Protein backbone atom coordinates (compact mmCIF):
# COMPACT_ATOMS: atom_id res chain seq x y z
CA MET A 1 187.24 57.74 83.72
CA LYS A 2 187.76 61.41 83.01
CA PHE A 3 190.41 63.69 84.41
CA SER A 4 187.69 65.72 86.18
CA ASN A 5 186.69 62.63 88.16
CA LEU A 6 190.06 62.28 89.91
CA ARG A 7 188.63 63.94 93.01
CA ASN A 8 186.17 61.08 93.48
CA TRP A 9 188.73 58.66 94.94
CA SER A 10 186.11 56.54 96.71
CA GLU A 11 184.29 55.72 93.50
CA TYR A 12 187.58 55.20 91.62
CA TRP A 13 188.79 52.80 94.31
CA LYS A 14 185.63 50.70 93.84
CA GLN A 15 186.16 50.66 90.07
CA LEU A 16 189.76 49.60 90.58
CA GLN A 17 188.81 46.71 92.87
CA SER A 18 186.20 45.56 90.38
CA ALA A 19 188.68 45.74 87.49
CA LEU A 20 191.21 43.55 89.29
CA LEU A 21 188.62 41.07 90.53
CA GLU A 22 186.38 40.57 87.51
CA PRO A 23 186.72 43.15 84.72
CA LYS A 24 183.70 43.41 82.49
CA VAL A 25 185.16 42.81 79.05
CA ASP A 26 183.88 41.41 75.79
CA GLU A 27 185.81 38.14 75.32
CA ALA A 28 185.82 38.42 71.52
CA ALA A 29 187.18 41.96 71.71
CA LEU A 30 189.79 40.84 74.23
CA GLU A 31 190.98 38.02 71.96
CA SER A 32 191.16 40.41 69.02
CA SER A 33 193.27 42.85 71.04
CA LEU A 34 195.54 40.04 72.24
CA ARG A 35 196.15 38.90 68.66
CA GLU A 36 197.14 42.42 67.69
CA ALA A 37 199.37 42.75 70.75
CA ARG A 38 201.21 39.53 69.90
CA LYS A 39 201.99 40.90 66.47
CA LYS A 40 203.75 43.80 68.19
CA LEU A 41 205.89 41.35 70.20
CA PRO A 42 206.37 38.16 68.16
CA LEU A 43 207.18 35.07 70.19
CA PRO A 44 210.82 33.91 70.02
CA VAL A 45 211.05 30.35 68.71
CA LEU A 46 213.92 28.07 69.68
CA TRP A 47 213.88 25.25 67.12
CA LEU A 48 215.37 22.01 68.46
CA LEU A 49 216.60 19.52 65.86
CA GLY A 50 218.02 16.15 66.79
CA LYS A 51 217.64 12.41 66.85
CA ALA A 52 215.45 10.68 69.42
CA GLN A 53 217.01 10.54 72.91
CA ALA A 54 219.54 13.26 72.04
CA GLY A 55 218.52 15.33 75.06
CA LYS A 56 216.15 17.93 73.64
CA THR A 57 213.64 17.66 76.48
CA SER A 58 216.46 17.88 79.02
CA ILE A 59 217.55 21.16 77.42
CA ILE A 60 214.02 22.59 77.63
CA ARG A 61 213.76 21.48 81.25
CA ALA A 62 217.11 23.09 82.12
CA LEU A 63 216.38 26.38 80.31
CA THR A 64 212.89 26.79 81.76
CA GLY A 65 213.36 25.17 85.15
CA ASN A 66 210.22 23.11 84.54
CA GLU A 67 209.94 19.45 85.42
CA ALA A 68 210.07 16.88 82.62
CA ALA A 69 206.53 15.71 83.39
CA GLU A 70 205.15 19.21 82.95
CA ILE A 71 206.95 19.56 79.64
CA GLY A 72 205.69 16.20 78.39
CA ASN A 73 202.11 17.22 79.13
CA GLY A 74 202.59 20.62 77.53
CA PHE A 75 203.66 19.68 74.00
CA GLN A 76 201.16 20.42 71.23
CA PRO A 77 201.35 19.26 67.58
CA CYS A 78 201.89 22.04 65.06
CA THR A 79 203.22 20.42 61.86
CA ARG A 80 203.36 16.90 60.51
CA HIS A 81 206.51 15.87 62.35
CA SER A 82 206.90 18.57 64.99
CA ARG A 83 205.29 19.89 68.13
CA PHE A 84 205.68 23.03 70.19
CA TYR A 85 205.99 23.76 73.89
CA ASP A 86 205.09 27.22 75.20
CA CYS A 87 206.56 28.54 78.44
CA PRO A 88 204.45 29.58 80.27
CA ASP A 89 201.52 28.03 78.43
CA GLU A 90 198.90 30.82 78.64
CA MET A 91 200.96 33.99 78.07
CA PRO A 92 204.26 32.53 76.80
CA LEU A 93 207.69 34.13 76.81
CA VAL A 94 209.26 31.61 74.46
CA ARG A 95 208.22 28.71 72.25
CA PHE A 96 210.27 25.57 71.76
CA LEU A 97 209.73 23.77 68.45
CA ASP A 98 210.70 20.10 68.74
CA THR A 99 211.28 18.06 65.58
CA ARG A 100 210.96 14.42 66.52
CA GLY A 101 212.77 11.32 65.39
CA LEU A 102 215.31 12.56 62.85
CA GLY A 103 216.85 9.47 61.31
CA GLU A 104 213.74 7.43 62.07
CA ILE A 105 211.24 9.21 59.83
CA ALA A 106 211.20 10.59 56.30
CA TYR A 107 211.43 14.22 57.32
CA ASP A 108 210.97 17.22 55.06
CA PRO A 109 211.73 20.45 56.97
CA THR A 110 209.72 22.66 54.59
CA ASP A 111 206.70 22.99 56.90
CA ASP A 112 208.86 23.82 59.90
CA ILE A 113 210.89 26.36 57.95
CA HIS A 114 207.67 28.04 56.90
CA TYR A 115 206.44 27.90 60.52
CA CYS A 116 209.57 29.72 61.75
CA GLU A 117 210.02 32.21 58.93
CA SER A 118 207.76 34.89 60.39
CA GLN A 119 209.08 34.59 63.95
CA ALA A 120 212.27 35.28 65.86
CA HIS A 121 214.17 32.04 66.08
CA LEU A 122 217.35 30.20 66.92
CA LEU A 123 218.37 26.74 65.70
CA LEU A 124 219.52 24.36 68.42
CA ALA A 125 220.92 21.17 66.87
CA VAL A 126 221.17 18.62 69.66
CA MET A 127 223.72 15.83 69.21
CA LYS A 128 224.66 13.17 71.71
CA VAL A 129 228.44 13.25 71.65
CA ALA A 130 228.76 9.46 71.77
CA ASP A 131 226.59 9.10 68.65
CA MET A 132 228.77 9.71 65.61
CA HIS A 133 225.95 8.97 63.13
CA GLN A 134 224.56 12.51 62.84
CA GLU A 135 224.14 12.74 59.06
CA PRO A 136 220.29 12.94 59.30
CA VAL A 137 220.71 16.06 61.45
CA TYR A 138 223.37 17.63 59.23
CA GLN A 139 221.21 16.96 56.17
CA VAL A 140 218.32 18.95 57.64
CA LEU A 141 220.68 21.71 58.80
CA ARG A 142 222.09 22.06 55.29
CA THR A 143 218.59 22.48 53.88
CA VAL A 144 217.58 25.03 56.49
CA ARG A 145 220.78 27.08 56.24
CA GLN A 146 220.70 27.10 52.44
CA ARG A 147 217.20 28.57 52.64
CA HIS A 148 218.07 30.94 55.50
CA PRO A 149 221.83 31.42 55.77
CA GLU A 150 221.34 34.24 58.30
CA TRP A 151 219.63 32.06 60.92
CA PRO A 152 221.94 31.54 63.92
CA LEU A 153 222.86 27.97 64.85
CA VAL A 154 224.05 26.41 68.10
CA ILE A 155 225.28 22.81 68.10
CA VAL A 156 224.54 21.45 71.59
CA GLN A 157 226.72 18.43 72.29
CA THR A 158 225.14 16.34 75.05
CA GLY A 159 225.80 13.29 77.19
CA LEU A 160 229.45 14.06 77.97
CA HIS A 161 229.58 11.61 80.88
CA GLU A 162 228.95 8.67 78.51
CA LEU A 163 232.53 9.09 77.30
CA TYR A 164 234.10 9.69 80.70
CA PRO A 165 236.52 7.05 81.97
CA ALA A 166 235.39 4.89 84.89
CA ASP A 167 234.60 7.08 87.92
CA GLY A 168 235.12 10.16 85.76
CA LYS A 169 233.77 13.52 86.94
CA HIS A 170 233.08 16.90 85.40
CA ILE A 171 236.14 19.04 84.72
CA TYR A 172 236.42 22.47 86.37
CA PRO A 173 236.45 25.09 85.15
CA TRP A 174 234.27 24.15 82.15
CA PRO A 175 236.93 23.74 79.39
CA TYR A 176 234.85 23.14 76.26
CA GLY A 177 235.03 26.70 74.99
CA ASP A 178 238.81 26.70 74.85
CA GLU A 179 240.59 26.60 71.49
CA PRO A 180 242.15 24.11 71.07
CA LEU A 181 240.38 21.76 73.48
CA PRO A 182 242.75 21.09 76.39
CA ASP A 183 244.33 17.73 77.16
CA THR A 184 242.45 17.58 80.47
CA ILE A 185 239.44 16.36 78.46
CA PRO A 186 239.50 12.54 78.13
CA ILE A 187 240.90 11.60 74.72
CA GLU A 188 237.87 9.64 73.51
CA LEU A 189 235.54 12.47 74.45
CA ARG A 190 237.82 15.07 72.86
CA ARG A 191 237.95 13.14 69.57
CA ALA A 192 234.16 12.82 69.44
CA LEU A 193 233.65 16.52 70.18
CA LEU A 194 236.14 17.56 67.49
CA ALA A 195 234.63 15.24 64.88
CA GLN A 196 231.15 16.73 65.33
CA ARG A 197 232.56 20.26 65.31
CA ALA A 198 234.54 19.63 62.14
CA ALA A 199 231.35 18.49 60.40
CA ALA A 200 229.53 21.59 61.66
CA GLU A 201 232.16 23.86 60.13
CA LYS A 202 231.19 22.59 56.65
CA LEU A 203 227.56 23.70 56.98
CA PRO A 204 226.41 26.61 54.82
CA GLY A 205 225.41 29.91 56.39
CA SER A 206 226.65 33.44 56.87
CA LEU A 207 227.32 32.83 60.57
CA PRO A 208 229.47 29.96 61.85
CA ALA A 209 227.80 27.43 64.13
CA ARG A 210 228.47 27.81 67.86
CA CYS A 211 229.30 24.51 69.59
CA ILE A 212 228.44 24.13 73.29
CA ALA A 213 229.09 20.96 75.28
CA VAL A 214 226.69 20.21 78.14
CA ASP A 215 225.86 17.34 80.46
CA LEU A 216 222.28 17.66 81.71
CA THR A 217 221.43 14.84 84.07
CA LEU A 218 219.11 14.06 86.98
CA PRO A 219 220.38 14.57 90.54
CA GLU A 220 220.17 10.83 91.20
CA ASP A 221 222.61 10.17 88.34
CA GLY A 222 225.40 11.33 90.64
CA TYR A 223 227.04 13.99 88.45
CA ASP A 224 227.53 17.35 90.13
CA PRO A 225 226.24 19.73 88.98
CA ALA A 226 223.32 18.18 87.12
CA ASP A 227 223.24 21.17 84.72
CA TYR A 228 226.92 21.16 83.71
CA GLY A 229 227.57 23.64 80.89
CA LEU A 230 224.14 25.29 81.15
CA GLU A 231 225.56 28.77 81.78
CA ALA A 232 227.68 28.50 78.61
CA LEU A 233 224.57 27.49 76.67
CA TRP A 234 222.69 30.47 78.08
CA GLN A 235 225.53 32.79 77.09
CA ALA A 236 225.41 31.50 73.51
CA ILE A 237 221.63 31.90 73.34
CA GLU A 238 221.72 35.42 74.79
CA SER A 239 224.43 36.52 72.36
CA LEU A 240 222.57 35.21 69.32
CA LEU A 241 219.00 35.98 70.36
CA PRO A 242 219.17 39.18 72.47
CA PHE A 243 215.74 39.07 74.11
CA GLY A 244 216.91 38.78 77.73
CA LEU A 245 215.30 35.34 77.97
CA GLN A 246 217.49 34.06 80.79
CA HIS A 247 216.38 36.77 83.18
CA GLN A 248 212.78 36.46 82.02
CA LEU A 249 212.73 32.71 82.64
CA THR A 250 214.87 32.46 85.76
CA SER A 251 215.35 35.86 87.48
CA GLU A 252 218.27 34.18 89.23
CA LYS A 253 218.81 36.51 92.19
CA GLU A 254 215.13 37.07 92.93
CA VAL A 255 213.73 33.57 92.74
CA ARG A 256 214.17 31.39 95.82
CA ASP A 257 211.82 28.44 95.25
CA LEU A 258 209.71 26.62 92.66
CA TYR A 259 206.65 28.76 93.44
CA GLU A 260 208.53 32.00 92.78
CA ARG A 261 210.20 30.71 89.61
CA THR A 262 206.86 29.59 88.18
CA ALA A 263 205.21 32.83 89.27
CA HIS A 264 208.04 34.90 87.76
CA GLN A 265 207.60 33.30 84.33
CA HIS A 266 203.85 33.95 84.40
CA ILE A 267 204.34 37.52 85.57
CA VAL A 268 206.77 38.31 82.74
CA GLY A 269 204.54 36.58 80.18
CA TYR A 270 201.50 38.60 81.20
CA SER A 271 203.59 41.78 81.43
CA LEU A 272 204.78 41.36 77.85
CA THR A 273 201.20 40.81 76.74
CA ALA A 274 200.11 43.98 78.54
CA ALA A 275 203.05 45.81 76.99
CA GLY A 276 201.92 44.68 73.56
CA LEU A 277 198.41 45.94 74.32
CA GLY A 278 199.83 49.26 75.46
CA ALA A 279 201.69 49.59 72.17
CA LEU A 280 198.46 49.46 70.17
CA PRO A 281 197.20 52.80 68.77
CA VAL A 282 193.93 52.48 70.71
CA VAL A 283 193.39 50.20 73.67
CA ASP A 284 190.64 50.13 76.26
CA LEU A 285 191.82 50.24 79.87
CA VAL A 286 189.46 47.34 80.60
CA THR A 287 191.44 45.15 78.19
CA VAL A 288 194.67 45.73 80.10
CA SER A 289 192.81 45.24 83.39
CA ALA A 290 191.46 41.92 82.10
CA VAL A 291 195.00 40.67 81.42
CA GLN A 292 196.10 41.81 84.87
CA ALA A 293 193.08 40.17 86.50
CA LYS A 294 193.89 36.89 84.71
CA LEU A 295 197.42 37.08 86.08
CA LEU A 296 196.27 37.68 89.65
CA HIS A 297 193.71 34.87 89.46
CA GLY A 298 196.45 32.55 88.15
CA LEU A 299 198.83 33.51 90.97
CA ALA A 300 196.07 32.85 93.50
CA VAL A 301 195.67 29.32 92.11
CA LEU A 302 199.45 28.76 92.21
CA TYR A 303 199.64 29.75 95.87
CA GLY A 304 196.38 28.05 96.89
CA GLN A 305 194.70 31.34 97.78
CA SER A 306 191.31 32.81 97.02
CA TRP A 307 190.98 35.90 94.84
CA ASP A 308 187.55 37.15 95.86
CA LYS A 309 186.09 40.52 96.74
CA ARG A 310 187.40 40.42 100.31
CA THR A 311 190.94 39.50 99.24
CA THR A 312 190.99 42.09 96.46
CA THR A 313 189.81 44.81 98.82
CA GLU A 314 192.52 43.89 101.34
CA PHE A 315 195.22 43.85 98.65
CA VAL A 316 194.25 47.20 97.12
CA THR A 317 193.89 48.84 100.54
CA LEU A 318 197.31 47.61 101.67
CA LEU A 319 198.92 48.66 98.40
CA GLY A 320 197.54 52.18 98.64
CA ALA A 321 198.17 55.03 96.21
CA GLY A 322 200.99 53.34 94.28
CA ILE A 323 198.66 51.23 92.21
CA ALA A 324 196.37 54.20 91.62
CA SER A 325 199.19 56.35 90.22
CA SER A 326 200.16 53.69 87.68
CA TYR A 327 196.58 53.22 86.56
CA LEU A 328 196.16 56.99 86.28
CA ALA A 329 199.10 57.07 83.89
CA ARG A 330 197.07 54.90 81.53
CA LEU A 331 193.87 56.86 82.11
CA VAL A 332 194.88 60.49 81.73
CA GLY A 333 198.30 60.40 80.06
CA ARG A 334 201.67 61.88 80.83
CA THR A 335 200.35 65.29 81.90
CA VAL A 336 199.17 63.81 85.20
CA THR A 337 202.78 63.14 86.23
CA LYS A 338 203.14 66.81 87.10
CA ILE A 339 200.65 66.48 89.97
CA ILE A 340 201.60 63.02 91.31
CA PRO A 341 205.13 63.08 92.76
CA VAL A 342 205.58 59.28 93.05
CA LEU A 343 204.60 58.72 89.44
CA GLY A 344 206.86 61.52 88.35
CA GLN A 345 209.83 59.68 89.86
CA THR A 346 209.07 56.33 88.23
CA VAL A 347 207.46 57.08 84.90
CA GLY A 348 210.84 57.66 83.24
CA ALA A 349 211.63 53.96 83.73
CA VAL A 350 208.42 52.86 82.03
CA TRP A 351 208.83 52.01 78.34
CA GLY A 352 207.27 53.97 75.50
CA ALA A 353 203.99 55.81 75.88
CA SER A 354 202.38 53.35 78.30
CA SER A 355 203.08 51.84 81.72
CA SER A 356 200.95 48.75 81.06
CA GLY A 357 203.81 46.24 80.98
CA ALA A 358 205.71 47.58 83.98
CA THR A 359 202.51 48.04 86.00
CA THR A 360 201.49 44.45 85.33
CA TYR A 361 204.94 43.25 86.42
CA ALA A 362 204.76 45.32 89.61
CA LEU A 363 201.25 44.05 90.40
CA GLY A 364 202.43 40.48 89.96
CA LYS A 365 205.50 40.85 92.20
CA ALA A 366 203.49 42.58 94.91
CA THR A 367 200.87 39.85 94.72
CA VAL A 368 203.52 37.14 95.14
CA TYR A 369 204.63 38.75 98.40
CA PHE A 370 200.98 39.15 99.47
CA PHE A 371 200.11 35.50 98.74
CA THR A 372 203.35 34.12 100.20
CA ARG A 373 202.69 35.84 103.52
CA ARG A 374 199.07 34.67 103.60
CA LYS A 375 200.06 31.12 102.61
CA ASN A 376 202.49 30.99 105.54
CA GLY A 377 200.01 32.49 107.98
CA LEU A 378 201.97 35.76 108.35
CA ASN A 379 200.82 39.37 108.38
CA VAL A 380 201.30 41.47 105.24
CA ASP A 381 203.33 44.59 105.94
CA PRO A 382 201.84 47.44 103.86
CA GLU A 383 205.12 49.38 103.65
CA THR A 384 206.96 46.30 102.36
CA LEU A 385 204.16 45.62 99.88
CA ARG A 386 204.33 49.17 98.53
CA ARG A 387 208.13 49.08 98.38
CA ILE A 388 208.05 45.82 96.41
CA TYR A 389 205.50 47.33 94.02
CA MET A 390 207.48 50.52 93.40
CA GLU A 391 210.81 48.67 93.00
CA ALA A 392 209.19 46.18 90.64
CA LEU A 393 207.73 49.03 88.58
CA GLU A 394 211.28 50.09 87.71
CA SER A 395 212.85 46.63 87.49
CA GLY A 396 209.94 45.46 85.32
CA ALA A 397 210.50 48.32 82.89
CA SER A 398 214.19 47.42 82.73
CA LEU A 399 213.44 43.72 82.23
CA LEU A 400 211.01 44.42 79.40
CA LYS A 401 213.20 47.02 77.70
CA GLU A 402 215.53 44.57 75.98
CA ARG A 403 212.66 42.46 74.69
CA LEU A 404 210.87 45.52 73.39
CA ARG A 405 214.04 46.79 71.68
CA SER A 406 214.45 43.44 69.92
CA LYS A 407 210.86 43.05 68.75
């Protein structure tokens, strides 16, 4: 679309509806562009090392908010002794690399080291605190840290309640970051924690290991909360791997139910992909539209709604000029901001030379409101829809900024 065609709003509106419903794009060209975009924003890898039953899957479940069954179905083999889990699966924000059965198999970490070398990563060594036979884990950690002494390492000590006295409960406030460990911690548990931490101090590496004690259980286990120590684990991850993953995966204040949490992760994943596309030297608008259309189709499935011509027309009509202004930013460049007041107010919050990532985020958040109202049999208020879109345009840019800075 050329700048001279901006007067033909009727025709542009039809093109916009078509782009969001079923963009005409060459699939091979789209895949090629997506590969290039992912190079611009490499996927963070959290590498989990530990013996069987140490609690690695519980950690993934707690960090992502996904159910254990979903995680179990989502693992894919990648090396001889390891598998990966992407969250979300189609346009992931983070990849978990799970090395299985340390101590039960003859494990050589060479393949996994090579797998992680070209990607952002964090080592999470998971040790059940009641299991003092952790030499197989320390042996692998020594090999990895000798090869890459700069890689950050978090020792996650799990299963605290197994060393509680009878009828023992979690201690408040969480005391396991204090130095020295306080006497309020049961003596057997304190000794086990200190023994594992003393061994960790002897590991090679330019950065000392961070030790975080957690107790991640199921609600029916009777320990409140079931995610004891999770916030401390998140703080350690955020300090060592500054990608803003916690907000990207949880959006704590915004997300009120399972639908919204799942939708939020997909929205951010697609937004990062669109941002990567926007960072390419040359990118066809249809390619970005195809990513956005995939997102909206996926959200429709999540909320049990149709995404057909009638629904798309209703959504675009209710949304109004806000969506048009963001698309125009991609079509005719920054000079158009001088003649569109709304865009002029928001474009400063959009990263780099493109609004692709923030626009995708805003589209997704507006669509969640749209589908939630329809799912509950309620009317969609156009002013609320537009307000959500415009607020999300700015909050999306802010959310993506840290990830883009750390690429």
